[in-house]
Amino acid sequence: MDEQPAEVLTKYGMMRKTYLQEHKKGLYSGLLLTGRLMNHLLEIQEAAEQRMEEITEQMAADEGVTEELKSKDQMKWIQLMNSIRHSAEEIVLTELIYN
């Protein structure tokens, strides 16, 4: 019997699982029956978290959101970072979770 990873699913892993259950029933069943579902979910989760970090850093750099701005105008920095994170998450959901 295959050893299941001890890692826990977080937001992106759970979102991927729900998507597969609701929209890709065949793929979900196949992964489940072969014992590869958890590994698949963890791979997607890790990729999504890495991609979020990459996109967020790149967008922040492109928009000039720096530590200097954070110290000068914290509310502006928070507003910009929230917008960047939201945009980055939309990209990650499209590329990895709902694909």
PDB file of N, CA and C in Angstrom:
ATOM      1  N   MET A   1       0.839  -1.192   0.000  1.00  0.00           N
ATOM      2  CA  MET A   1       0.000   0.000   0.000  1.00  0.00           C
ATOM      3  C   MET A   1       0.874   1.242   0.000  1.00  0.00           C
ATOM      4  N   ASP A   2       0.484   2.227  -0.788  1.00  0.00           N
ATOM      5  CA  ASP A   2       1.251   3.464  -0.895  1.00  0.00           C
ATOM      6  C   ASP A   2       1.176   4.268   0.392  1.00  0.00           C
ATOM      7  N   GLU A   3       2.319   4.851   0.749  1.00  0.00           N
ATOM      8  CA  GLU A   3       2.351   5.753   1.898  1.00  0.00           C
ATOM      9  C   GLU A   3       1.748   7.083   1.472  1.00  0.00           C
ATOM     10  N   GLN A   4       0.817   7.584   2.235  1.00  0.00           N
ATOM     11  CA  GLN A   4       0.241   8.894   1.953  1.00  0.00           C
ATOM     12  C   GLN A   4       1.107   9.953   2.623  1.00  0.00           C
ATOM     13  N   PRO A   5       1.341  11.070   1.939  1.00  0.00           N
ATOM     14  CA  PRO A   5       2.140  12.148   2.533  1.00  0.00           C
ATOM     15  C   PRO A   5       1.509  12.644   3.831  1.00  0.00           C
ATOM     16  N   ALA A   6       2.369  13.030   4.756  1.00  0.00           N
ATOM     17  CA  ALA A   6       1.890  13.501   6.053  1.00  0.00           C
ATOM     18  C   ALA A   6       1.526  14.986   6.021  1.00  0.00           C
ATOM     19  N   GLU A   7       1.803  15.642   4.904  1.00  0.00           N
ATOM     20  CA  GLU A   7       1.524  17.072   4.805  1.00  0.00           C
ATOM     21  C   GLU A   7       0.020  17.339   4.790  1.00  0.00           C
ATOM     22  N   VAL A   8      -0.327  18.537   5.198  1.00  0.00           N
ATOM     23  CA  VAL A   8      -1.731  18.940   5.291  1.00  0.00           C
ATOM     24  C   VAL A   8      -2.079  19.824   4.099  1.00  0.00           C
ATOM     25  N   LEU A   9      -3.287  19.660   3.595  1.00  0.00           N
ATOM     26  CA  LEU A   9      -3.746  20.530   2.521  1.00  0.00           C
ATOM     27  C   LEU A   9      -4.078  21.901   3.081  1.00  0.00           C
ATOM     28  N   THR A  10      -3.654  22.917   2.360  1.00  0.00           N
ATOM     29  CA  THR A  10      -4.000  24.285   2.718  1.00  0.00           C
ATOM     30  C   THR A  10      -4.980  24.807   1.662  1.00  0.00           C
ATOM     31  N   LYS A  11      -5.160  26.091   1.642  1.00  0.00           N
ATOM     32  CA  LYS A  11      -6.152  26.737   0.788  1.00  0.00           C
ATOM     33  C   LYS A  11      -6.147  26.226  -0.659  1.00  0.00           C
ATOM     34  N   TYR A  12      -4.988  26.265  -1.313  1.00  0.00           N
ATOM     35  CA  TYR A  12      -4.936  25.920  -2.729  1.00  0.00           C
ATOM     36  C   TYR A  12      -5.150  24.432  -2.977  1.00  0.00           C
ATOM     37  N   GLY A  13      -4.639  23.605  -2.113  1.00  0.00           N
ATOM     38  CA  GLY A  13      -4.869  22.163  -2.245  1.00  0.00           C
ATOM     39  C   GLY A  13      -6.343  21.814  -2.095  1.00  0.00           C
ATOM     40  N   MET A  14      -6.995  22.446  -1.143  1.00  0.00           N
ATOM     41  CA  MET A  14      -8.420  22.197  -0.930  1.00  0.00           C
ATOM     42  C   MET A  14      -9.265  22.748  -2.076  1.00  0.00           C
ATOM     43  N   MET A  15      -8.862  23.901  -2.607  1.00  0.00           N
ATOM     44  CA  MET A  15      -9.589  24.479  -3.748  1.00  0.00           C
ATOM     45  C   MET A  15      -9.474  23.563  -4.964  1.00  0.00           C
ATOM     46  N   ARG A  16      -8.276  23.016  -5.190  1.00  0.00           N
ATOM     47  CA  ARG A  16      -8.063  22.107  -6.314  1.00  0.00           C
ATOM     48  C   ARG A  16      -8.911  20.844  -6.146  1.00  0.00           C
ATOM     49  N   LYS A  17      -8.942  20.313  -4.938  1.00  0.00           N
ATOM     50  CA  LYS A  17      -9.739  19.105  -4.666  1.00  0.00           C
ATOM     51  C   LYS A  17     -11.207  19.363  -4.968  1.00  0.00           C
ATOM     52  N   THR A  18     -11.734  20.464  -4.494  1.00  0.00           N
ATOM     53  CA  THR A  18     -13.139  20.819  -4.734  1.00  0.00           C
ATOM     54  C   THR A  18     -13.403  20.970  -6.226  1.00  0.00           C
ATOM     55  N   TYR A  19     -12.487  21.636  -6.928  1.00  0.00           N
ATOM     56  CA  TYR A  19     -12.645  21.815  -8.374  1.00  0.00           C
ATOM     57  C   TYR A  19     -12.702  20.460  -9.088  1.00  0.00           C
ATOM     58  N   LEU A  20     -11.768  19.568  -8.730  1.00  0.00           N
ATOM     59  CA  LEU A  20     -11.767  18.246  -9.364  1.00  0.00           C
ATOM     60  C   LEU A  20     -13.058  17.487  -9.065  1.00  0.00           C
ATOM     61  N   GLN A  21     -13.513  17.528  -7.830  1.00  0.00           N
ATOM     62  CA  GLN A  21     -14.741  16.825  -7.442  1.00  0.00           C
ATOM     63  C   GLN A  21     -15.945  17.341  -8.217  1.00  0.00           C
ATOM     64  N   GLU A  22     -16.010  18.642  -8.436  1.00  0.00           N
ATOM     65  CA  GLU A  22     -17.195  19.244  -9.047  1.00  0.00           C
ATOM     66  C   GLU A  22     -17.133  19.322 -10.571  1.00  0.00           C
ATOM     67  N   HIS A  23     -15.924  19.410 -11.143  1.00  0.00           N
ATOM     68  CA  HIS A  23     -15.825  19.667 -12.582  1.00  0.00           C
ATOM     69  C   HIS A  23     -15.019  18.638 -13.366  1.00  0.00           C
ATOM     70  N   LYS A  24     -14.205  17.855 -12.706  1.00  0.00           N
ATOM     71  CA  LYS A  24     -13.361  16.857 -13.375  1.00  0.00           C
ATOM     72  C   LYS A  24     -13.504  15.518 -12.653  1.00  0.00           C
ATOM     73  N   LYS A  25     -14.738  15.031 -12.607  1.00  0.00           N
ATOM     74  CA  LYS A  25     -15.043  13.833 -11.826  1.00  0.00           C
ATOM     75  C   LYS A  25     -14.211  12.620 -12.231  1.00  0.00           C
ATOM     76  N   GLY A  26     -13.968  12.452 -13.529  1.00  0.00           N
ATOM     77  CA  GLY A  26     -13.177  11.318 -14.005  1.00  0.00           C
ATOM     78  C   GLY A  26     -11.742  11.385 -13.509  1.00  0.00           C
ATOM     79  N   LEU A  27     -11.139  12.535 -13.650  1.00  0.00           N
ATOM     80  CA  LEU A  27      -9.762  12.726 -13.178  1.00  0.00           C
ATOM     81  C   LEU A  27      -9.688  12.533 -11.668  1.00  0.00           C
ATOM     82  N   TYR A  28     -10.654  13.104 -10.949  1.00  0.00           N
ATOM     83  CA  TYR A  28     -10.685  12.961  -9.493  1.00  0.00           C
ATOM     84  C   TYR A  28     -10.766  11.490  -9.103  1.00  0.00           C
ATOM     85  N   SER A  29     -11.689  10.759  -9.719  1.00  0.00           N
ATOM     86  CA  SER A  29     -11.864   9.333  -9.400  1.00  0.00           C
ATOM     87  C   SER A  29     -10.611   8.538  -9.727  1.00  0.00           C
ATOM     88  N   GLY A  30     -10.008   8.831 -10.877  1.00  0.00           N
ATOM     89  CA  GLY A  30      -8.787   8.127 -11.269  1.00  0.00           C
ATOM     90  C   GLY A  30      -7.653   8.351 -10.290  1.00  0.00           C
ATOM     91  N   LEU A  31      -7.460   9.592  -9.891  1.00  0.00           N
ATOM     92  CA  LEU A  31      -6.405   9.902  -8.915  1.00  0.00           C
ATOM     93  C   LEU A  31      -6.692   9.248  -7.567  1.00  0.00           C
ATOM     94  N   LEU A  32      -7.948   9.270  -7.179  1.00  0.00           N
ATOM     95  CA  LEU A  32      -8.344   8.682  -5.896  1.00  0.00           C
ATOM     96  C   LEU A  32      -8.124   7.178  -5.901  1.00  0.00           C
ATOM     97  N   LEU A  33      -8.566   6.514  -6.961  1.00  0.00           N
ATOM     98  CA  LEU A  33      -8.466   5.055  -7.035  1.00  0.00           C
ATOM     99  C   LEU A  33      -7.032   4.556  -7.149  1.00  0.00           C
ATOM    100  N   THR A  34      -6.163   5.354  -7.760  1.00  0.00           N
ATOM    101  CA  THR A  34      -4.761   4.942  -7.888  1.00  0.00           C
ATOM    102  C   THR A  34      -3.908   5.401  -6.705  1.00  0.00           C
ATOM    103  N   GLY A  35      -4.521   6.097  -5.766  1.00  0.00           N
ATOM    104  CA  GLY A  35      -3.785   6.545  -4.584  1.00  0.00           C
ATOM    105  C   GLY A  35      -2.886   7.739  -4.842  1.00  0.00           C
ATOM    106  N   ARG A  36      -3.120   8.443  -5.951  1.00  0.00           N
ATOM    107  CA  ARG A  36      -2.262   9.574  -6.297  1.00  0.00           C
ATOM    108  C   ARG A  36      -2.911  10.930  -6.026  1.00  0.00           C
ATOM    109  N   LEU A  37      -4.113  10.933  -5.503  1.00  0.00           N
ATOM    110  CA  LEU A  37      -4.837  12.195  -5.293  1.00  0.00           C
ATOM    111  C   LEU A  37      -4.084  13.138  -4.362  1.00  0.00           C
ATOM    112  N   MET A  38      -3.676  12.652  -3.212  1.00  0.00           N
ATOM    113  CA  MET A  38      -3.026  13.529  -2.231  1.00  0.00           C
ATOM    114  C   MET A  38      -1.724  14.102  -2.787  1.00  0.00           C
ATOM    115  N   ASN A  39      -0.937  13.271  -3.471  1.00  0.00           N
ATOM    116  CA  ASN A  39       0.307  13.772  -4.067  1.00  0.00           C
ATOM    117  C   ASN A  39       0.016  14.850  -5.104  1.00  0.00           C
ATOM    118  N   HIS A  40      -1.011  14.617  -5.922  1.00  0.00           N
ATOM    119  CA  HIS A  40      -1.402  15.613  -6.933  1.00  0.00           C
ATOM    120  C   HIS A  40      -1.790  16.929  -6.256  1.00  0.00           C
ATOM    121  N   LEU A  41      -2.622  16.848  -5.236  1.00  0.00           N
ATOM    122  CA  LEU A  41      -3.086  18.052  -4.544  1.00  0.00           C
ATOM    123  C   LEU A  41      -1.929  18.805  -3.902  1.00  0.00           C
ATOM    124  N   LEU A  42      -1.012  18.068  -3.304  1.00  0.00           N
ATOM    125  CA  LEU A  42       0.146  18.704  -2.669  1.00  0.00           C
ATOM    126  C   LEU A  42       1.069  19.353  -3.701  1.00  0.00           C
ATOM    127  N   GLU A  43       1.232  18.733  -4.864  1.00  0.00           N
ATOM    128  CA  GLU A  43       2.049  19.327  -5.931  1.00  0.00           C
ATOM    129  C   GLU A  43       1.427  20.633  -6.421  1.00  0.00           C
ATOM    130  N   ILE A  44       0.121  20.620  -6.642  1.00  0.00           N
ATOM    131  CA  ILE A  44      -0.582  21.819  -7.096  1.00  0.00           C
ATOM    132  C   ILE A  44      -0.482  22.905  -6.025  1.00  0.00           C
ATOM    133  N   GLN A  45      -0.669  22.511  -4.783  1.00  0.00           N
ATOM    134  CA  GLN A  45      -0.609  23.450  -3.661  1.00  0.00           C
ATOM    135  C   GLN A  45       0.760  24.128  -3.597  1.00  0.00           C
ATOM    136  N   GLU A  46       1.823  23.344  -3.690  1.00  0.00           N
ATOM    137  CA  GLU A  46       3.170  23.894  -3.614  1.00  0.00           C
ATOM    138  C   GLU A  46       3.436  24.822  -4.805  1.00  0.00           C
ATOM    139  N   ALA A  47       3.031  24.385  -5.990  1.00  0.00           N
ATOM    140  CA  ALA A  47       3.229  25.207  -7.183  1.00  0.00           C
ATOM    141  C   ALA A  47       2.458  26.520  -7.071  1.00  0.00           C
ATOM    142  N   ALA A  48       1.236  26.458  -6.563  1.00  0.00           N
ATOM    143  CA  ALA A  48       0.409  27.664  -6.418  1.00  0.00           C
ATOM    144  C   ALA A  48       1.030  28.638  -5.421  1.00  0.00           C
ATOM    145  N   GLU A  49       1.529  28.110  -4.310  1.00  0.00           N
ATOM    146  CA  GLU A  49       2.144  28.982  -3.308  1.00  0.00           C
ATOM    147  C   GLU A  49       3.414  29.639  -3.848  1.00  0.00           C
ATOM    148  N   GLN A  50       4.218  28.873  -4.573  1.00  0.00           N
ATOM    149  CA  GLN A  50       5.436  29.442  -5.169  1.00  0.00           C
ATOM    150  C   GLN A  50       5.088  30.487  -6.223  1.00  0.00           C
ATOM    151  N   ARG A  51       4.107  30.180  -7.042  1.00  0.00           N
ATOM    152  CA  ARG A  51       3.699  31.106  -8.108  1.00  0.00           C
ATOM    153  C   ARG A  51       3.145  32.399  -7.513  1.00  0.00           C
ATOM    154  N   MET A  52       2.360  32.281  -6.439  1.00  0.00           N
ATOM    155  CA  MET A  52       1.828  33.474  -5.756  1.00  0.00           C
ATOM    156  C   MET A  52       2.970  34.376  -5.302  1.00  0.00           C
ATOM    157  N   GLU A  53       3.971  33.763  -4.703  1.00  0.00           N
ATOM    158  CA  GLU A  53       5.109  34.528  -4.204  1.00  0.00           C
ATOM    159  C   GLU A  53       5.847  35.216  -5.353  1.00  0.00           C
ATOM    160  N   GLU A  54       6.095  34.473  -6.438  1.00  0.00           N
ATOM    161  CA  GLU A  54       6.805  35.034  -7.594  1.00  0.00           C
ATOM    162  C   GLU A  54       6.034  36.204  -8.208  1.00  0.00           C
ATOM    163  N   ILE A  55       4.750  35.997  -8.450  1.00  0.00           N
ATOM    164  CA  ILE A  55       3.940  37.030  -9.094  1.00  0.00           C
ATOM    165  C   ILE A  55       3.827  38.258  -8.197  1.00  0.00           C
ATOM    166  N   THR A  56       3.597  38.040  -6.909  1.00  0.00           N
ATOM    167  CA  THR A  56       3.456  39.147  -5.970  1.00  0.00           C
ATOM    168  C   THR A  56       4.731  39.987  -5.933  1.00  0.00           C
ATOM    169  N   GLU A  57       5.883  39.321  -5.850  1.00  0.00           N
ATOM    170  CA  GLU A  57       7.156  40.046  -5.821  1.00  0.00           C
ATOM    171  C   GLU A  57       7.362  40.840  -7.103  1.00  0.00           C
ATOM    172  N   GLN A  58       7.065  40.211  -8.255  1.00  0.00           N
ATOM    173  CA  GLN A  58       7.266  40.880  -9.538  1.00  0.00           C
ATOM    174  C   GLN A  58       6.335  42.078  -9.680  1.00  0.00           C
ATOM    175  N   MET A  59       5.067  41.906  -9.342  1.00  0.00           N
ATOM    176  CA  MET A  59       4.103  42.994  -9.471  1.00  0.00           C
ATOM    177  C   MET A  59       4.444  44.141  -8.521  1.00  0.00           C
ATOM    178  N   ALA A  60       4.876  43.807  -7.315  1.00  0.00           N
ATOM    179  CA  ALA A  60       5.254  44.845  -6.355  1.00  0.00           C
ATOM    180  C   ALA A  60       6.443  45.639  -6.884  1.00  0.00           C
ATOM    181  N   ALA A  61       7.414  44.947  -7.450  1.00  0.00           N
ATOM    182  CA  ALA A  61       8.577  45.634  -8.016  1.00  0.00           C
ATOM    183  C   ALA A  61       8.156  46.521  -9.191  1.00  0.00           C
ATOM    184  N   ASP A  62       7.300  45.988 -10.045  1.00  0.00           N
ATOM    185  CA  ASP A  62       6.840  46.750 -11.214  1.00  0.00           C
ATOM    186  C   ASP A  62       6.081  48.014 -10.811  1.00  0.00           C
ATOM    187  N   GLU A  63       5.354  47.944  -9.714  1.00  0.00           N
ATOM    188  CA  GLU A  63       4.526  49.075  -9.276  1.00  0.00           C
ATOM    189  C   GLU A  63       5.222  49.964  -8.240  1.00  0.00           C
ATOM    190  N   GLY A  64       6.476  49.652  -7.936  1.00  0.00           N
ATOM    191  CA  GLY A  64       7.232  50.480  -7.004  1.00  0.00           C
ATOM    192  C   GLY A  64       6.776  50.369  -5.552  1.00  0.00           C
ATOM    193  N   VAL A  65       6.222  49.226  -5.198  1.00  0.00           N
ATOM    194  CA  VAL A  65       5.792  49.011  -3.814  1.00  0.00           C
ATOM    195  C   VAL A  65       6.996  48.468  -3.046  1.00  0.00           C
ATOM    196  N   THR A  66       7.581  49.338  -2.228  1.00  0.00           N
ATOM    197  CA  THR A  66       8.845  49.022  -1.556  1.00  0.00           C
ATOM    198  C   THR A  66       8.701  49.136  -0.036  1.00  0.00           C
ATOM    199  N   GLU A  67       9.752  48.714   0.648  1.00  0.00           N
ATOM    200  CA  GLU A  67       9.804  48.881   2.098  1.00  0.00           C
ATOM    201  C   GLU A  67       9.835  50.365   2.465  1.00  0.00           C
ATOM    202  N   GLU A  68      10.434  51.157   1.606  1.00  0.00           N
ATOM    203  CA  GLU A  68      10.465  52.606   1.829  1.00  0.00           C
ATOM    204  C   GLU A  68       9.048  53.176   1.833  1.00  0.00           C
ATOM    205  N   LEU A  69       8.238  52.744   0.860  1.00  0.00           N
ATOM    206  CA  LEU A  69       6.842  53.178   0.819  1.00  0.00           C
ATOM    207  C   LEU A  69       6.106  52.702   2.069  1.00  0.00           C
ATOM    208  N   LYS A  70       6.408  51.484   2.479  1.00  0.00           N
ATOM    209  CA  LYS A  70       5.760  50.915   3.676  1.00  0.00           C
ATOM    210  C   LYS A  70       6.042  51.793   4.901  1.00  0.00           C
ATOM    211  N   SER A  71       7.261  52.279   5.019  1.00  0.00           N
ATOM    212  CA  SER A  71       7.600  53.103   6.184  1.00  0.00           C
ATOM    213  C   SER A  71       7.056  54.531   6.057  1.00  0.00           C
ATOM    214  N   LYS A  72       6.939  55.033   4.831  1.00  0.00           N
ATOM    215  CA  LYS A  72       6.453  56.399   4.623  1.00  0.00           C
ATOM    216  C   LYS A  72       4.927  56.496   4.688  1.00  0.00           C
ATOM    217  N   ASP A  73       4.257  55.548   4.024  1.00  0.00           N
ATOM    218  CA  ASP A  73       2.791  55.604   3.910  1.00  0.00           C
ATOM    219  C   ASP A  73       2.239  54.182   3.997  1.00  0.00           C
ATOM    220  N   GLN A  74       2.106  53.725   5.236  1.00  0.00           N
ATOM    221  CA  GLN A  74       1.726  52.335   5.467  1.00  0.00           C
ATOM    222  C   GLN A  74       0.358  51.984   4.871  1.00  0.00           C
ATOM    223  N   MET A  75      -0.602  52.882   4.961  1.00  0.00           N
ATOM    224  CA  MET A  75      -1.939  52.592   4.429  1.00  0.00           C
ATOM    225  C   MET A  75      -1.900  52.440   2.909  1.00  0.00           C
ATOM    226  N   LYS A  76      -1.131  53.280   2.244  1.00  0.00           N
ATOM    227  CA  LYS A  76      -0.980  53.180   0.787  1.00  0.00           C
ATOM    228  C   LYS A  76      -0.327  51.847   0.421  1.00  0.00           C
ATOM    229  N   TRP A  77       0.704  51.466   1.186  1.00  0.00           N
ATOM    230  CA  TRP A  77       1.401  50.201   0.954  1.00  0.00           C
ATOM    231  C   TRP A  77       0.444  49.029   1.106  1.00  0.00           C
ATOM    232  N   ILE A  78      -0.365  49.037   2.162  1.00  0.00           N
ATOM    233  CA  ILE A  78      -1.339  47.963   2.398  1.00  0.00           C
ATOM    234  C   ILE A  78      -2.346  47.894   1.256  1.00  0.00           C
ATOM    235  N   GLN A  79      -2.840  49.039   0.846  1.00  0.00           N
ATOM    236  CA  GLN A  79      -3.809  49.097  -0.248  1.00  0.00           C
ATOM    237  C   GLN A  79      -3.216  48.498  -1.529  1.00  0.00           C
ATOM    238  N   LEU A  80      -2.011  48.899  -1.869  1.00  0.00           N
ATOM    239  CA  LEU A  80      -1.363  48.400  -3.082  1.00  0.00           C
ATOM    240  C   LEU A  80      -1.071  46.899  -2.982  1.00  0.00           C
ATOM    241  N   MET A  81      -0.582  46.451  -1.826  1.00  0.00           N
ATOM    242  CA  MET A  81      -0.268  45.028  -1.662  1.00  0.00           C
ATOM    243  C   MET A  81      -1.530  44.168  -1.710  1.00  0.00           C
ATOM    244  N   ASN A  82      -2.612  44.649  -1.143  1.00  0.00           N
ATOM    245  CA  ASN A  82      -3.869  43.890  -1.224  1.00  0.00           C
ATOM    246  C   ASN A  82      -4.322  43.755  -2.671  1.00  0.00           C
ATOM    247  N   SER A  83      -4.198  44.824  -3.431  1.00  0.00           N
ATOM    248  CA  SER A  83      -4.565  44.790  -4.841  1.00  0.00           C
ATOM    249  C   SER A  83      -3.660  43.831  -5.617  1.00  0.00           C
ATOM    250  N   ILE A  84      -2.379  43.882  -5.345  1.00  0.00           N
ATOM    251  CA  ILE A  84      -1.417  43.000  -6.004  1.00  0.00           C
ATOM    252  C   ILE A  84      -1.707  41.544  -5.668  1.00  0.00           C
ATOM    253  N   ARG A  85      -1.932  41.253  -4.398  1.00  0.00           N
ATOM    254  CA  ARG A  85      -2.218  39.870  -3.991  1.00  0.00           C
ATOM    255  C   ARG A  85      -3.492  39.350  -4.651  1.00  0.00           C
ATOM    256  N   HIS A  86      -4.493  40.208  -4.735  1.00  0.00           N
ATOM    257  CA  HIS A  86      -5.744  39.806  -5.376  1.00  0.00           C
ATOM    258  C   HIS A  86      -5.503  39.466  -6.849  1.00  0.00           C
ATOM    259  N   SER A  87      -4.780  40.313  -7.543  1.00  0.00           N
ATOM    260  CA  SER A  87      -4.471  40.064  -8.955  1.00  0.00           C
ATOM    261  C   SER A  87      -3.627  38.805  -9.131  1.00  0.00           C
ATOM    262  N   ALA A  88      -2.643  38.639  -8.273  1.00  0.00           N
ATOM    263  CA  ALA A  88      -1.776  37.455  -8.344  1.00  0.00           C
ATOM    264  C   ALA A  88      -2.587  36.182  -8.108  1.00  0.00           C
ATOM    265  N   GLU A  89      -3.510  36.240  -7.158  1.00  0.00           N
ATOM    266  CA  GLU A  89      -4.319  35.053  -6.875  1.00  0.00           C
ATOM    267  C   GLU A  89      -5.215  34.696  -8.050  1.00  0.00           C
ATOM    268  N   GLU A  90      -5.766  35.696  -8.725  1.00  0.00           N
ATOM    269  CA  GLU A  90      -6.586  35.418  -9.912  1.00  0.00           C
ATOM    270  C   GLU A  90      -5.764  34.674 -10.962  1.00  0.00           C
ATOM    271  N   ILE A  91      -4.523  35.078 -11.140  1.00  0.00           N
ATOM    272  CA  ILE A  91      -3.644  34.415 -12.108  1.00  0.00           C
ATOM    273  C   ILE A  91      -3.384  32.972 -11.676  1.00  0.00           C
ATOM    274  N   VAL A  92      -3.065  32.770 -10.408  1.00  0.00           N
ATOM    275  CA  VAL A  92      -2.766  31.430  -9.891  1.00  0.00           C
ATOM    276  C   VAL A  92      -3.987  30.517 -10.016  1.00  0.00           C
ATOM    277  N   LEU A  93      -5.155  31.034  -9.699  1.00  0.00           N
ATOM    278  CA  LEU A  93      -6.375  30.216  -9.804  1.00  0.00           C
ATOM    279  C   LEU A  93      -6.603  29.790 -11.247  1.00  0.00           C
ATOM    280  N   THR A  94      -6.400  30.701 -12.174  1.00  0.00           N
ATOM    281  CA  THR A  94      -6.608  30.391 -13.592  1.00  0.00           C
ATOM    282  C   THR A  94      -5.561  29.406 -14.101  1.00  0.00           C
ATOM    283  N   GLU A  95      -4.293  29.636 -13.750  1.00  0.00           N
ATOM    284  CA  GLU A  95      -3.205  28.803 -14.258  1.00  0.00           C
ATOM    285  C   GLU A  95      -3.167  27.410 -13.646  1.00  0.00           C
ATOM    286  N   LEU A  96      -3.410  27.316 -12.351  1.00  0.00           N
ATOM    287  CA  LEU A  96      -3.142  26.055 -11.653  1.00  0.00           C
ATOM    288  C   LEU A  96      -4.359  25.360 -11.042  1.00  0.00           C
ATOM    289  N   ILE A  97      -5.222  26.100 -10.433  1.00  0.00           N
ATOM    290  CA  ILE A  97      -6.317  25.470  -9.687  1.00  0.00           C
ATOM    291  C   ILE A  97      -7.453  25.053 -10.608  1.00  0.00           C
ATOM    292  N   TYR A  98      -7.895  25.964 -11.453  1.00  0.00           N
ATOM    293  CA  TYR A  98      -9.057  25.693 -12.310  1.00  0.00           C
ATOM    294  C   TYR A  98      -8.628  25.332 -13.721  1.00  0.00           C
ATOM    295  N   ASN A  99      -7.667  24.449 -13.837  1.00  0.00           N
ATOM    296  CA  ASN A  99      -7.131  24.069 -15.130  1.00  0.00           C
ATOM    297  C   ASN A  99      -7.125  22.566 -15.257  1.00  0.00           C
TER     298      ASN A  99
END
